[in-house]
């Protein structure tokens, strides 16, 4: 995973340098704004996924589940053991995908913000 982050950061720097040298400042400003806002969005979603994965909302979800149990009756079919089983392989795969998705969102957001910062330097020069 360390290779991906260095590759994406290098790609962001190289592409921003090339765009900064070739584009006119009027076109550059819209690219700067769009890349910054998109990077900010990816960072916010990645941080939200990181907070959810850390278990911050477990207490709230458990409380809402208890409230749901008080107001709504569970069908007998769901109480069956077949529906209650948690597969450890599936849980591990789900955790791996969530970890990779969070990592990817944070990396893409950081690269887009770095891209916009370097282009901002070219805009003001």
N, C-alpha and C. Protein backbone atom coordinates (compact mmCIF):
# COMPACT_ATOMS: atom_id res chain seq x y z
N UNK A 1 0.81 -1.19 0.00
CA UNK A 1 0.00 0.00 0.00
C UNK A 1 0.86 1.25 0.00
N UNK A 2 2.07 1.16 0.52
CA UNK A 2 2.95 2.31 0.54
C UNK A 2 3.35 2.71 -0.88
N UNK A 3 3.42 1.71 -1.80
CA UNK A 3 3.75 2.02 -3.18
C UNK A 3 2.67 2.88 -3.81
N UNK A 4 1.41 2.59 -3.48
CA UNK A 4 0.29 3.33 -4.08
C UNK A 4 0.32 4.79 -3.68
N UNK A 5 0.58 5.06 -2.43
CA UNK A 5 0.55 6.45 -1.98
C UNK A 5 1.69 7.25 -2.60
N UNK A 6 2.86 6.66 -2.71
CA UNK A 6 3.97 7.39 -3.33
C UNK A 6 3.71 7.56 -4.83
N UNK A 7 3.12 6.57 -5.46
CA UNK A 7 2.80 6.67 -6.89
C UNK A 7 1.74 7.74 -7.13
N UNK A 8 0.70 7.78 -6.31
CA UNK A 8 -0.35 8.78 -6.48
C UNK A 8 0.16 10.19 -6.18
N UNK A 9 0.99 10.33 -5.16
CA UNK A 9 1.56 11.64 -4.86
C UNK A 9 2.48 12.12 -5.97
N UNK A 10 3.29 11.22 -6.51
CA UNK A 10 4.17 11.58 -7.62
C UNK A 10 3.35 11.96 -8.86
N UNK A 11 2.29 11.22 -9.10
CA UNK A 11 1.41 11.52 -10.24
C UNK A 11 0.74 12.88 -10.06
N UNK A 12 0.32 13.20 -8.85
CA UNK A 12 -0.32 14.50 -8.59
C UNK A 12 0.67 15.64 -8.80
N UNK A 13 1.89 15.47 -8.34
CA UNK A 13 2.90 16.52 -8.49
C UNK A 13 3.27 16.71 -9.96
N UNK A 14 3.51 15.62 -10.67
CA UNK A 14 3.92 15.71 -12.07
C UNK A 14 2.80 16.30 -12.93
N UNK A 15 1.58 15.84 -12.72
CA UNK A 15 0.48 16.36 -13.53
C UNK A 15 0.19 17.82 -13.21
N UNK A 16 0.34 18.22 -11.97
CA UNK A 16 0.12 19.64 -11.64
C UNK A 16 1.23 20.51 -12.22
N UNK A 17 2.45 20.01 -12.24
CA UNK A 17 3.53 20.77 -12.86
C UNK A 17 3.30 20.94 -14.35
N UNK A 18 2.89 19.87 -15.02
CA UNK A 18 2.63 19.96 -16.45
C UNK A 18 1.46 20.87 -16.76
N UNK A 19 0.38 20.76 -16.01
CA UNK A 19 -0.76 21.62 -16.24
C UNK A 19 -0.45 23.07 -15.90
N UNK A 20 0.32 23.30 -14.87
CA UNK A 20 0.67 24.66 -14.48
C UNK A 20 1.50 25.37 -15.53
N UNK A 21 2.34 24.62 -16.23
CA UNK A 21 3.18 25.23 -17.25
C UNK A 21 2.46 25.43 -18.57
N UNK A 22 1.45 24.63 -18.85
CA UNK A 22 0.82 24.68 -20.17
C UNK A 22 -0.49 25.46 -20.22
N UNK A 23 -1.26 25.51 -19.16
CA UNK A 23 -2.57 26.16 -19.21
C UNK A 23 -2.48 27.64 -18.89
N UNK A 24 -3.46 28.37 -19.41
CA UNK A 24 -3.58 29.79 -19.10
C UNK A 24 -4.19 29.96 -17.72
N UNK A 25 -3.91 31.06 -17.06
CA UNK A 25 -4.43 31.26 -15.69
C UNK A 25 -5.96 31.25 -15.59
N UNK A 26 -6.66 31.65 -16.64
CA UNK A 26 -8.12 31.65 -16.56
C UNK A 26 -8.67 30.23 -16.51
N UNK A 27 -8.08 29.31 -17.25
CA UNK A 27 -8.50 27.91 -17.21
C UNK A 27 -8.00 27.23 -15.94
N UNK A 28 -6.88 27.69 -15.46
CA UNK A 28 -6.25 27.08 -14.29
C UNK A 28 -7.08 27.29 -13.03
N UNK A 29 -7.73 28.43 -12.91
CA UNK A 29 -8.49 28.73 -11.71
C UNK A 29 -9.67 27.78 -11.51
N UNK A 30 -10.36 27.42 -12.58
CA UNK A 30 -11.49 26.49 -12.44
C UNK A 30 -11.00 25.09 -12.07
N UNK A 31 -9.87 24.69 -12.61
CA UNK A 31 -9.31 23.37 -12.26
C UNK A 31 -8.87 23.35 -10.80
N UNK A 32 -8.29 24.45 -10.33
CA UNK A 32 -7.86 24.54 -8.93
C UNK A 32 -9.06 24.41 -8.00
N UNK A 33 -10.11 25.16 -8.29
CA UNK A 33 -11.30 25.13 -7.44
C UNK A 33 -11.97 23.76 -7.42
N UNK A 34 -12.11 23.17 -8.59
CA UNK A 34 -12.77 21.85 -8.66
C UNK A 34 -11.95 20.77 -7.98
N UNK A 35 -10.65 20.78 -8.18
CA UNK A 35 -9.83 19.73 -7.56
C UNK A 35 -9.78 19.91 -6.04
N UNK A 36 -9.76 21.14 -5.56
CA UNK A 36 -9.75 21.36 -4.12
C UNK A 36 -11.06 20.89 -3.49
N UNK A 37 -12.18 21.26 -4.09
CA UNK A 37 -13.47 20.86 -3.53
C UNK A 37 -13.67 19.35 -3.60
N UNK A 38 -13.25 18.73 -4.68
CA UNK A 38 -13.35 17.27 -4.79
C UNK A 38 -12.44 16.58 -3.78
N UNK A 39 -11.24 17.10 -3.60
CA UNK A 39 -10.33 16.54 -2.60
C UNK A 39 -10.86 16.70 -1.19
N UNK A 40 -11.48 17.85 -0.92
CA UNK A 40 -12.08 18.08 0.39
C UNK A 40 -13.23 17.11 0.64
N UNK A 41 -14.04 16.86 -0.39
CA UNK A 41 -15.13 15.90 -0.27
C UNK A 41 -14.61 14.50 0.03
N UNK A 42 -13.58 14.06 -0.70
CA UNK A 42 -13.02 12.73 -0.47
C UNK A 42 -12.40 12.62 0.94
N UNK A 43 -11.75 13.69 1.39
CA UNK A 43 -11.19 13.66 2.74
C UNK A 43 -12.28 13.58 3.80
N UNK A 44 -13.37 14.30 3.60
CA UNK A 44 -14.46 14.27 4.58
C UNK A 44 -15.11 12.89 4.63
N UNK A 45 -15.35 12.29 3.48
CA UNK A 45 -15.95 10.95 3.45
C UNK A 45 -14.99 9.93 4.05
N UNK A 46 -13.70 10.05 3.74
CA UNK A 46 -12.71 9.15 4.32
C UNK A 46 -12.60 9.28 5.83
N UNK A 47 -12.65 10.51 6.34
CA UNK A 47 -12.62 10.72 7.80
C UNK A 47 -13.88 10.18 8.45
N UNK A 48 -15.02 10.35 7.80
CA UNK A 48 -16.27 9.80 8.33
C UNK A 48 -16.20 8.27 8.38
N UNK A 49 -15.65 7.66 7.33
CA UNK A 49 -15.51 6.20 7.32
C UNK A 49 -14.54 5.74 8.40
N UNK A 50 -13.49 6.52 8.64
CA UNK A 50 -12.53 6.18 9.69
C UNK A 50 -13.17 6.25 11.07
N UNK A 51 -14.00 7.25 11.31
CA UNK A 51 -14.68 7.38 12.59
C UNK A 51 -15.68 6.25 12.79
N UNK A 52 -16.42 5.91 11.74
CA UNK A 52 -17.40 4.82 11.84
C UNK A 52 -16.69 3.49 12.09
N UNK A 53 -15.56 3.27 11.40
CA UNK A 53 -14.81 2.02 11.59
C UNK A 53 -14.19 1.93 12.98
N UNK A 54 -13.92 3.06 13.61
CA UNK A 54 -13.28 3.03 14.93
C UNK A 54 -14.24 2.57 16.02
N UNK A 55 -15.53 2.56 15.75
CA UNK A 55 -16.50 2.09 16.72
C UNK A 55 -17.11 3.19 17.56
N UNK A 56 -17.03 4.42 17.09
CA UNK A 56 -17.53 5.55 17.84
C UNK A 56 -19.06 5.50 18.00
N UNK A 57 -19.77 5.01 16.99
CA UNK A 57 -21.22 5.01 17.01
C UNK A 57 -21.83 3.70 17.50
N UNK A 58 -21.04 2.79 18.02
CA UNK A 58 -21.54 1.48 18.45
C UNK A 58 -22.56 1.63 19.57
N UNK A 59 -22.32 2.51 20.50
CA UNK A 59 -23.23 2.70 21.63
C UNK A 59 -24.58 3.22 21.13
N UNK A 60 -24.55 4.18 20.22
CA UNK A 60 -25.79 4.72 19.68
C UNK A 60 -26.57 3.66 18.91
N UNK A 61 -25.86 2.90 18.08
CA UNK A 61 -26.54 1.86 17.29
C UNK A 61 -27.13 0.78 18.17
N UNK A 62 -26.42 0.42 19.23
CA UNK A 62 -26.94 -0.58 20.16
C UNK A 62 -28.21 -0.08 20.85
N UNK A 63 -28.22 1.18 21.23
CA UNK A 63 -29.41 1.77 21.86
C UNK A 63 -30.59 1.82 20.91
N UNK A 64 -30.34 2.20 19.66
CA UNK A 64 -31.43 2.22 18.69
C UNK A 64 -31.94 0.81 18.38
N UNK A 65 -31.04 -0.17 18.41
CA UNK A 65 -31.47 -1.55 18.19
C UNK A 65 -32.36 -2.03 19.33
N UNK A 66 -32.04 -1.63 20.55
CA UNK A 66 -32.89 -1.98 21.69
C UNK A 66 -34.24 -1.30 21.60
N UNK A 67 -34.27 -0.05 21.18
CA UNK A 67 -35.54 0.64 21.00
C UNK A 67 -36.38 -0.01 19.91
N UNK A 68 -35.73 -0.44 18.85
CA UNK A 68 -36.45 -1.12 17.77
C UNK A 68 -37.05 -2.42 18.28
N UNK A 69 -36.31 -3.14 19.12
CA UNK A 69 -36.82 -4.39 19.68
C UNK A 69 -38.02 -4.19 20.59
N UNK A 70 -38.11 -3.02 21.21
CA UNK A 70 -39.26 -2.74 22.07
C UNK A 70 -40.52 -2.44 21.26
N UNK A 71 -40.36 -1.82 20.10
CA UNK A 71 -41.52 -1.38 19.35
C UNK A 71 -41.95 -2.34 18.24
N UNK A 72 -41.02 -3.09 17.68
CA UNK A 72 -41.33 -3.98 16.57
C UNK A 72 -41.00 -5.41 16.94
N UNK A 73 -41.90 -6.32 16.59
CA UNK A 73 -41.70 -7.73 16.88
C UNK A 73 -40.86 -8.35 15.77
N UNK A 74 -39.94 -9.24 16.15
CA UNK A 74 -39.09 -9.93 15.19
C UNK A 74 -39.82 -11.15 14.64
N UNK A 75 -39.79 -11.37 13.32
CA UNK A 75 -40.39 -12.60 12.79
C UNK A 75 -39.63 -13.83 13.30
N UNK A 76 -40.34 -14.91 13.45
CA UNK A 76 -39.71 -16.14 13.99
C UNK A 76 -38.65 -16.70 13.06
N UNK A 77 -38.81 -16.46 11.78
CA UNK A 77 -37.84 -16.99 10.82
C UNK A 77 -36.47 -16.37 11.04
N UNK A 78 -36.41 -15.10 11.40
CA UNK A 78 -35.14 -14.43 11.62
C UNK A 78 -34.47 -14.93 12.90
N UNK A 79 -35.24 -15.42 13.85
CA UNK A 79 -34.67 -15.95 15.08
C UNK A 79 -33.97 -17.28 14.87
N UNK A 80 -34.11 -17.86 13.71
CA UNK A 80 -33.47 -19.13 13.36
C UNK A 80 -31.94 -18.96 13.39
N UNK A 81 -31.24 -20.02 13.70
CA UNK A 81 -29.77 -19.98 13.79
C UNK A 81 -29.12 -19.69 12.44
N UNK A 82 -29.78 -20.08 11.36
CA UNK A 82 -29.21 -19.86 10.04
C UNK A 82 -29.07 -18.36 9.74
N UNK A 83 -29.98 -17.55 10.21
CA UNK A 83 -29.93 -16.12 9.98
C UNK A 83 -29.07 -15.40 11.01
N UNK A 84 -28.75 -16.03 12.11
CA UNK A 84 -27.97 -15.41 13.17
C UNK A 84 -26.47 -15.64 13.02
N UNK A 85 -26.07 -16.58 12.18
CA UNK A 85 -24.65 -16.95 12.11
C UNK A 85 -23.81 -15.83 11.50
N UNK A 86 -22.65 -15.61 12.07
CA UNK A 86 -21.68 -14.65 11.55
C UNK A 86 -20.49 -15.44 11.03
N UNK A 87 -20.25 -15.33 9.74
CA UNK A 87 -19.14 -16.05 9.12
C UNK A 87 -17.85 -15.25 9.34
N UNK A 88 -16.85 -15.86 10.00
CA UNK A 88 -15.61 -15.11 10.26
C UNK A 88 -14.87 -14.72 8.97
N UNK A 89 -14.93 -15.56 7.94
CA UNK A 89 -14.25 -15.23 6.69
C UNK A 89 -14.92 -14.02 6.03
N UNK A 90 -16.25 -13.98 6.09
CA UNK A 90 -16.97 -12.84 5.52
C UNK A 90 -16.69 -11.56 6.31
N UNK A 91 -16.62 -11.66 7.63
CA UNK A 91 -16.33 -10.50 8.46
C UNK A 91 -14.92 -9.97 8.18
N UNK A 92 -13.96 -10.88 7.99
CA UNK A 92 -12.59 -10.46 7.70
C UNK A 92 -12.51 -9.81 6.33
N UNK A 93 -13.21 -10.37 5.35
CA UNK A 93 -13.21 -9.79 4.01
C UNK A 93 -13.87 -8.41 4.02
N UNK A 94 -14.95 -8.28 4.78
CA UNK A 94 -15.65 -7.00 4.89
C UNK A 94 -14.75 -5.95 5.54
N UNK A 95 -14.01 -6.33 6.56
CA UNK A 95 -13.10 -5.41 7.24
C UNK A 95 -11.95 -5.00 6.33
N UNK A 96 -11.45 -5.93 5.53
CA UNK A 96 -10.36 -5.62 4.59
C UNK A 96 -10.83 -4.63 3.54
N UNK A 97 -12.02 -4.85 3.02
CA UNK A 97 -12.56 -3.94 2.00
C UNK A 97 -12.81 -2.56 2.60
N UNK A 98 -13.33 -2.50 3.81
CA UNK A 98 -13.58 -1.22 4.46
C UNK A 98 -12.27 -0.48 4.74
N UNK A 99 -11.25 -1.19 5.16
CA UNK A 99 -9.95 -0.58 5.44
C UNK A 99 -9.33 -0.03 4.16
N UNK A 100 -9.40 -0.82 3.08
CA UNK A 100 -8.84 -0.38 1.80
C UNK A 100 -9.62 0.81 1.24
N UNK A 101 -10.95 0.79 1.38
CA UNK A 101 -11.76 1.89 0.90
C UNK A 101 -11.48 3.18 1.65
N UNK A 102 -11.32 3.09 2.95
CA UNK A 102 -10.99 4.27 3.76
C UNK A 102 -9.62 4.81 3.38
N UNK A 103 -8.67 3.92 3.23
CA UNK A 103 -7.32 4.31 2.85
C UNK A 103 -7.33 4.98 1.48
N UNK A 104 -8.10 4.43 0.55
CA UNK A 104 -8.17 4.97 -0.79
C UNK A 104 -8.82 6.35 -0.80
N UNK A 105 -9.89 6.52 -0.06
CA UNK A 105 -10.56 7.82 0.01
C UNK A 105 -9.64 8.89 0.59
N UNK A 106 -8.94 8.57 1.66
CA UNK A 106 -8.03 9.54 2.28
C UNK A 106 -6.86 9.88 1.36
N UNK A 107 -6.34 8.88 0.66
CA UNK A 107 -5.20 9.11 -0.23
C UNK A 107 -5.61 9.96 -1.42
N UNK A 108 -6.75 9.66 -2.03
CA UNK A 108 -7.20 10.43 -3.18
C UNK A 108 -7.50 11.87 -2.77
N UNK A 109 -8.12 12.06 -1.62
CA UNK A 109 -8.40 13.41 -1.15
C UNK A 109 -7.13 14.20 -0.92
N UNK A 110 -6.14 13.59 -0.30
CA UNK A 110 -4.87 14.28 -0.05
C UNK A 110 -4.15 14.61 -1.35
N UNK A 111 -4.19 13.69 -2.31
CA UNK A 111 -3.54 13.95 -3.60
C UNK A 111 -4.22 15.08 -4.36
N UNK A 112 -5.55 15.12 -4.33
CA UNK A 112 -6.24 16.20 -5.03
C UNK A 112 -5.99 17.55 -4.38
N UNK A 113 -5.90 17.60 -3.08
CA UNK A 113 -5.60 18.87 -2.42
C UNK A 113 -4.16 19.29 -2.69
N UNK A 114 -3.24 18.35 -2.71
CA UNK A 114 -1.85 18.66 -3.07
C UNK A 114 -1.78 19.17 -4.51
N UNK A 115 -2.53 18.54 -5.39
CA UNK A 115 -2.61 18.94 -6.80
C UNK A 115 -3.09 20.39 -6.91
N UNK A 116 -4.14 20.72 -6.16
CA UNK A 116 -4.67 22.08 -6.24
C UNK A 116 -3.70 23.10 -5.61
N UNK A 117 -2.98 22.70 -4.57
CA UNK A 117 -2.02 23.63 -3.95
C UNK A 117 -0.85 23.95 -4.89
N UNK A 118 -0.38 22.95 -5.60
CA UNK A 118 0.72 23.18 -6.54
C UNK A 118 0.23 24.03 -7.70
N UNK A 119 -0.98 23.78 -8.18
CA UNK A 119 -1.52 24.60 -9.26
C UNK A 119 -1.76 26.03 -8.78
N UNK A 120 -2.08 26.22 -7.52
CA UNK A 120 -2.26 27.56 -6.99
C UNK A 120 -0.96 28.34 -7.03
N UNK A 121 0.15 27.66 -6.78
CA UNK A 121 1.45 28.32 -6.88
C UNK A 121 1.71 28.80 -8.31
N UNK A 122 1.34 28.00 -9.31
CA UNK A 122 1.50 28.41 -10.69
C UNK A 122 0.55 29.52 -11.06
N UNK A 123 -0.60 29.56 -10.46
CA UNK A 123 -1.57 30.60 -10.78
C UNK A 123 -1.09 31.97 -10.31
N UNK A 124 -0.45 32.02 -9.15
CA UNK A 124 -0.01 33.31 -8.62
C UNK A 124 1.38 33.72 -9.09
N UNK A 125 2.06 32.87 -9.79
CA UNK A 125 3.41 33.23 -10.29
C UNK A 125 3.29 33.96 -11.61
